[in-house]
C-alpha atoms as a PDB file:
ATOM      1  CA  MET A   1     -43.719  79.934 143.034  1.00  0.00           C
ATOM      2  CA  PHE A   2     -41.242  82.754 143.229  1.00  0.00           C
ATOM      3  CA  SER A   3     -37.970  82.558 145.087  1.00  0.00           C
ATOM      4  CA  ARG A   4     -37.499  84.774 148.134  1.00  0.00           C
ATOM      5  CA  ARG A   5     -35.065  86.960 146.198  1.00  0.00           C
ATOM      6  CA  THR A   6     -37.578  87.415 143.348  1.00  0.00           C
ATOM      7  CA  ARG A   7     -40.314  88.330 145.840  1.00  0.00           C
ATOM      8  CA  ALA A   8     -37.984  90.862 147.448  1.00  0.00           C
ATOM      9  CA  LEU A   9     -37.221  92.385 144.038  1.00  0.00           C
ATOM     10  CA  LEU A  10     -40.935  92.530 143.166  1.00  0.00           C
ATOM     11  CA  ASP A  11     -41.610  94.225 146.509  1.00  0.00           C
ATOM     12  CA  LEU A  12     -38.871  96.750 145.716  1.00  0.00           C
ATOM     13  CA  VAL A  13     -40.225  97.476 142.232  1.00  0.00           C
ATOM     14  CA  ALA A  14     -43.827  97.796 143.461  1.00  0.00           C
ATOM     15  CA  ASN A  15     -42.853 100.240 146.199  1.00  0.00           C
ATOM     16  CA  VAL A  16     -40.661 102.280 143.836  1.00  0.00           C
ATOM     17  CA  LEU A  17     -43.714 102.588 141.574  1.00  0.00           C
ATOM     18  CA  VAL A  18     -45.886 103.654 144.526  1.00  0.00           C
ATOM     19  CA  VAL A  19     -43.386 106.338 145.570  1.00  0.00           C
ATOM     20  CA  GLY A  20     -43.088 107.452 141.933  1.00  0.00           C
ATOM     21  CA  LEU A  21     -46.863 107.733 141.549  1.00  0.00           C
ATOM     22  CA  GLN A  22     -47.160 109.698 144.762  1.00  0.00           C
ATOM     23  CA  LEU A  23     -44.418 112.038 143.575  1.00  0.00           C
ATOM     24  CA  PHE A  24     -46.152 112.402 140.193  1.00  0.00           C
ATOM     25  CA  PHE A  25     -49.494 113.236 141.832  1.00  0.00           C
ATOM     26  CA  ARG A  26     -47.821 115.704 144.186  1.00  0.00           C
ATOM     27  CA  LEU A  27     -46.121 117.479 141.256  1.00  0.00           C
ATOM     28  CA  GLU A  28     -49.365 117.508 139.261  1.00  0.00           C
ATOM     29  CA  SER A  29     -51.272 118.957 142.191  1.00  0.00           C
ATOM     30  CA  ALA A  30     -48.618 121.660 142.597  1.00  0.00           C
ATOM     31  CA  ARG A  31     -48.908 122.448 138.883  1.00  0.00           C
ATOM     32  CA  LEU A  32     -52.704 122.650 139.147  1.00  0.00           C
ATOM     33  CA  GLU A  33     -52.457 124.874 142.206  1.00  0.00           C
ATOM     34  CA  ARG A  34     -50.087 127.190 140.333  1.00  0.00           C
ATOM     35  CA  LEU A  35     -52.524 127.327 137.407  1.00  0.00           C
ATOM     36  CA  ARG A  36     -55.416 128.054 139.777  1.00  0.00           C
ATOM     37  CA  ARG A  37     -53.476 130.863 141.474  1.00  0.00           C
ATOM     38  CA  GLU A  38     -52.668 132.387 138.098  1.00  0.00           C
ATOM     39  CA  GLY A  39     -56.301 132.010 137.038  1.00  0.00           C
ATOM     40  CA  ASP A  40     -55.181 130.132 133.956  1.00  0.00           C
ATOM     41  CA  LEU A  41     -56.364 126.576 134.567  1.00  0.00           C
ATOM     42  CA  GLU A  42     -57.412 126.041 130.943  1.00  0.00           C
ATOM     43  CA  SER A  43     -54.023 126.957 129.442  1.00  0.00           C
ATOM     44  CA  ASP A  44     -51.242 124.565 128.610  1.00  0.00           C
ATOM     45  CA  GLU A  45     -47.803 124.570 130.216  1.00  0.00           C
ATOM     46  CA  GLU A  46     -46.296 127.040 127.708  1.00  0.00           C
ATOM     47  CA  GLY A  47     -48.804 129.657 128.791  1.00  0.00           C
ATOM     48  CA  GLU A  48     -50.820 129.724 125.559  1.00  0.00           C
ATOM     49  CA  PRO A  49     -54.561 129.935 126.188  1.00  0.00           C
ATOM     50  CA  ALA A  50     -56.430 126.792 125.284  1.00  0.00           C
ATOM     51  CA  GLY A  51     -59.726 128.657 125.071  1.00  0.00           C
ATOM     52  CA  GLU A  52     -62.945 127.993 126.914  1.00  0.00           C
ATOM     53  CA  THR A  53     -63.036 124.279 127.584  1.00  0.00           C
ATOM     54  CA  SER A  54     -64.766 122.017 130.021  1.00  0.00           C
ATOM     55  CA  LEU A  55     -63.159 119.075 131.772  1.00  0.00           C
ATOM     56  CA  GLU A  56     -64.569 116.686 129.153  1.00  0.00           C
ATOM     57  CA  GLU A  57     -63.123 118.584 126.172  1.00  0.00           C
ATOM     58  CA  ALA A  58     -59.869 119.891 127.644  1.00  0.00           C
ATOM     59  CA  ASP A  59     -57.031 120.146 125.125  1.00  0.00           C
ATOM     60  CA  ASP A  60     -54.435 119.266 127.722  1.00  0.00           C
ATOM     61  CA  ALA A  61     -55.128 115.631 128.582  1.00  0.00           C
ATOM     62  CA  ARG A  62     -52.653 115.754 131.455  1.00  0.00           C
ATOM     63  CA  THR A  63     -54.530 118.640 133.082  1.00  0.00           C
ATOM     64  CA  ALA A  64     -57.849 116.863 132.587  1.00  0.00           C
ATOM     65  CA  PHE A  65     -56.418 113.705 134.141  1.00  0.00           C
ATOM     66  CA  ALA A  66     -54.904 115.637 137.017  1.00  0.00           C
ATOM     67  CA  LEU A  67     -58.141 117.524 137.684  1.00  0.00           C
ATOM     68  CA  GLY A  68     -60.010 114.274 138.014  1.00  0.00           C
ATOM     69  CA  VAL A  69     -57.441 112.408 140.089  1.00  0.00           C
ATOM     70  CA  VAL A  70     -55.441 114.789 142.265  1.00  0.00           C
ATOM     71  CA  ASP A  71     -57.939 117.550 142.979  1.00  0.00           C
ATOM     72  CA  GLY A  72     -57.378 118.561 146.592  1.00  0.00           C
ATOM     73  CA  MET A  73     -53.939 116.979 146.962  1.00  0.00           C
ATOM     74  CA  GLU A  74     -52.347 120.407 147.301  1.00  0.00           C
ATOM     75  CA  ASP A  75     -53.657 120.539 150.865  1.00  0.00           C
ATOM     76  CA  VAL A  76     -51.582 117.510 151.928  1.00  0.00           C
ATOM     77  CA  GLN A  77     -48.552 118.569 153.950  1.00  0.00           C
ATOM     78  CA  ILE A  78     -45.451 116.513 154.656  1.00  0.00           C
ATOM     79  CA  ARG A  79     -45.297 115.727 158.366  1.00  0.00           C
ATOM     80  CA  PHE A  80     -41.971 114.117 159.174  1.00  0.00           C
ATOM     81  CA  ARG A  81     -43.194 112.553 162.412  1.00  0.00           C
ATOM     82  CA  TRP A  82     -45.822 110.525 160.559  1.00  0.00           C
ATOM     83  CA  LEU A  83     -43.475 109.882 157.657  1.00  0.00           C
ATOM     84  CA  LEU A  84     -41.075 108.343 160.181  1.00  0.00           C
ATOM     85  CA  VAL A  85     -43.900 106.195 161.629  1.00  0.00           C
ATOM     86  CA  GLY A  86     -44.527 104.883 158.114  1.00  0.00           C
ATOM     87  CA  VAL A  87     -40.838 104.242 157.414  1.00  0.00           C
ATOM     88  CA  THR A  88     -40.501 102.387 160.716  1.00  0.00           C
ATOM     89  CA  SER A  89     -43.550 100.226 160.106  1.00  0.00           C
ATOM     90  CA  GLY A  90     -42.508  99.438 156.519  1.00  0.00           C
ATOM     91  CA  VAL A  91     -39.022  98.371 157.572  1.00  0.00           C
ATOM     92  CA  ALA A  92     -40.258  96.475 160.652  1.00  0.00           C
ATOM     93  CA  TYR A  93     -42.816  94.456 158.690  1.00  0.00           C
ATOM     94  CA  ARG A  94     -40.274  93.447 156.049  1.00  0.00           C
ATOM     95  CA  ALA A  95     -37.669  92.556 158.671  1.00  0.00           C
ATOM     96  CA  LEU A  96     -40.215  90.362 160.471  1.00  0.00           C
ATOM     97  CA  TYR A  97     -41.261  88.800 157.169  1.00  0.00           C
ATOM     98  CA  ASP A  98     -37.704  88.063 156.020  1.00  0.00           C
ATOM     99  CA  ARG A  99     -36.760  86.522 159.351  1.00  0.00           C
ATOM    100  CA  ASP A 100     -40.059  84.582 159.408  1.00  0.00           C
ATOM    101  CA  VAL A 101     -40.820  85.716 162.956  1.00  0.00           C
ATOM    102  CA  GLY A 102     -43.882  83.845 164.129  1.00  0.00           C
ATOM    103  CA  SER A 103     -43.947  81.996 160.786  1.00  0.00           C
ATOM    104  CA  ILE A 104     -45.578  84.998 159.088  1.00  0.00           C
ATOM    105  CA  ARG A 105     -43.806  84.284 155.821  1.00  0.00           C
ATOM    106  CA  ARG A 106     -45.166  80.746 155.666  1.00  0.00           C
ATOM    107  CA  SER A 107     -48.661  81.394 157.027  1.00  0.00           C
ATOM    108  CA  LEU A 108     -51.132  83.683 155.274  1.00  0.00           C
ATOM    109  CA  ALA A 109     -53.339  83.818 158.384  1.00  0.00           C
ATOM    110  CA  ARG A 110     -50.445  84.966 160.579  1.00  0.00           C
ATOM    111  CA  ARG A 111     -49.314  87.475 157.965  1.00  0.00           C
ATOM    112  CA  LEU A 112     -52.834  88.928 157.811  1.00  0.00           C
ATOM    113  CA  LEU A 113     -52.910  89.029 161.615  1.00  0.00           C
ATOM    114  CA  VAL A 114     -49.666  91.040 161.673  1.00  0.00           C
ATOM    115  CA  LEU A 115     -50.951  93.418 158.984  1.00  0.00           C
ATOM    116  CA  GLY A 116     -54.242  93.782 160.860  1.00  0.00           C
ATOM    117  CA  THR A 117     -52.314  94.573 164.034  1.00  0.00           C
ATOM    118  CA  ILE A 118     -50.291  97.226 162.219  1.00  0.00           C
ATOM    119  CA  TRP A 119     -53.481  98.798 160.851  1.00  0.00           C
ATOM    120  CA  THR A 120     -55.103  98.668 164.298  1.00  0.00           C
ATOM    121  CA  VAL A 121     -52.106 100.447 165.830  1.00  0.00           C
ATOM    122  CA  TRP A 122     -52.266 103.062 163.066  1.00  0.00           C
ATOM    123  CA  ILE A 123     -55.960 103.629 163.774  1.00  0.00           C
ATOM    124  CA  ARG A 124     -55.298 103.867 167.524  1.00  0.00           C
ATOM    125  CA  LEU A 125     -52.586 106.448 166.814  1.00  0.00           C
ATOM    126  CA  GLY A 126     -55.172 108.541 164.993  1.00  0.00           C
ATOM    127  CA  ILE A 127     -54.210 107.823 161.413  1.00  0.00           C
ATOM    128  CA  ASP A 128     -57.663 108.564 160.072  1.00  0.00           C
ATOM    129  CA  ASP A 129     -56.757 112.038 158.877  1.00  0.00           C
ATOM    130  CA  ARG A 130     -55.949 112.403 155.152  1.00  0.00           C
ATOM    131  CA  ASP A 131     -52.655 114.207 155.815  1.00  0.00           C
ATOM    132  CA  ILE A 132     -51.500 111.650 158.354  1.00  0.00           C
ATOM    133  CA  SER A 133     -52.541 108.598 156.327  1.00  0.00           C
ATOM    134  CA  HIS A 134     -50.825 110.022 153.237  1.00  0.00           C
ATOM    135  CA  ASN A 135     -47.612 110.573 155.175  1.00  0.00           C
ATOM    136  CA  VAL A 136     -47.705 107.137 156.815  1.00  0.00           C
ATOM    137  CA  GLY A 137     -48.388 105.454 153.483  1.00  0.00           C
ATOM    138  CA  LEU A 138     -45.604 107.366 151.754  1.00  0.00           C
ATOM    139  CA  GLY A 139     -43.240 106.620 154.639  1.00  0.00           C
ATOM    140  CA  SER A 140     -44.116 102.935 154.543  1.00  0.00           C
ATOM    141  CA  SER A 141     -43.287 102.786 150.840  1.00  0.00           C
ATOM    142  CA  ILE A 142     -40.046 104.702 151.346  1.00  0.00           C
ATOM    143  CA  GLY A 143     -39.106 102.352 154.190  1.00  0.00           C
ATOM    144  CA  ALA A 144     -39.864  99.354 151.984  1.00  0.00           C
ATOM    145  CA  VAL A 145     -37.708 100.760 149.174  1.00  0.00           C
ATOM    146  CA  CYS A 146     -34.801 101.417 151.532  1.00  0.00           C
ATOM    147  CA  TYR A 147     -35.050  97.995 153.176  1.00  0.00           C
ATOM    148  CA  ARG A 148     -35.460  96.139 149.888  1.00  0.00           C
ATOM    149  CA  ALA A 149     -32.614  98.064 148.272  1.00  0.00           C
ATOM    150  CA  LYS A 150     -30.309  96.618 150.901  1.00  0.00           C
ATOM    151  CA  TYR A 151     -31.952  93.237 151.507  1.00  0.00           C
ATOM    152  CA  GLY A 152     -33.135  92.037 148.150  1.00  0.00           C
ATOM    153  CA  LEU A 153     -31.113  94.054 145.680  1.00  0.00           C
ATOM    154  CA  PHE A 154     -27.622  94.180 147.163  1.00  0.00           C
ATOM    155  CA  GLU A 155     -27.852  91.309 149.630  1.00  0.00           C
ATOM    156  CA  GLU A 156     -29.916  88.178 149.979  1.00  0.00           C
ATOM    157  CA  PRO A 157     -33.022  88.752 152.148  1.00  0.00           C
ATOM    158  CA  SER A 158     -31.935  88.012 155.705  1.00  0.00           C
ATOM    159  CA  ALA A 159     -33.362  84.902 157.314  1.00  0.00           C
ATOM    160  CA  SER A 160     -32.621  81.527 158.689  1.00  0.00           C
ATOM    161  CA  GLU A 161     -34.336  78.717 156.841  1.00  0.00           C
END
């Protein structure tokens, strides 16, 4: 088993990766949108035409990957209200977990109950929209990174054992 500090560090690393991937996909979608606006989707980043290519035979593997994965992401807008809801829920869950409130750290069933409650509240708040769910998810990861940077990287996770 992992120590609490190791789990906190793994949580930090995983959430940094999630935020990094979301940033990567956002930048790729912006790049694709720029290429679509310019009418030059099949060209590489230097502006040289890549010729007539289909998605399967695209010369730019990054563009082909981005077309398949992030198509439509350019419509997602940052909504700070929902980002804040995500940050709050990410920090609150980790604070409850570290302090073992209701024995959620020691009991998988209780932990799943808390996570189910959080998801139920999100659904009741109307987080079924793609924009809103993206913002809440991003906010939750940002909140986790901030919390874990303090409690897990710089300080021991707070709790009373």
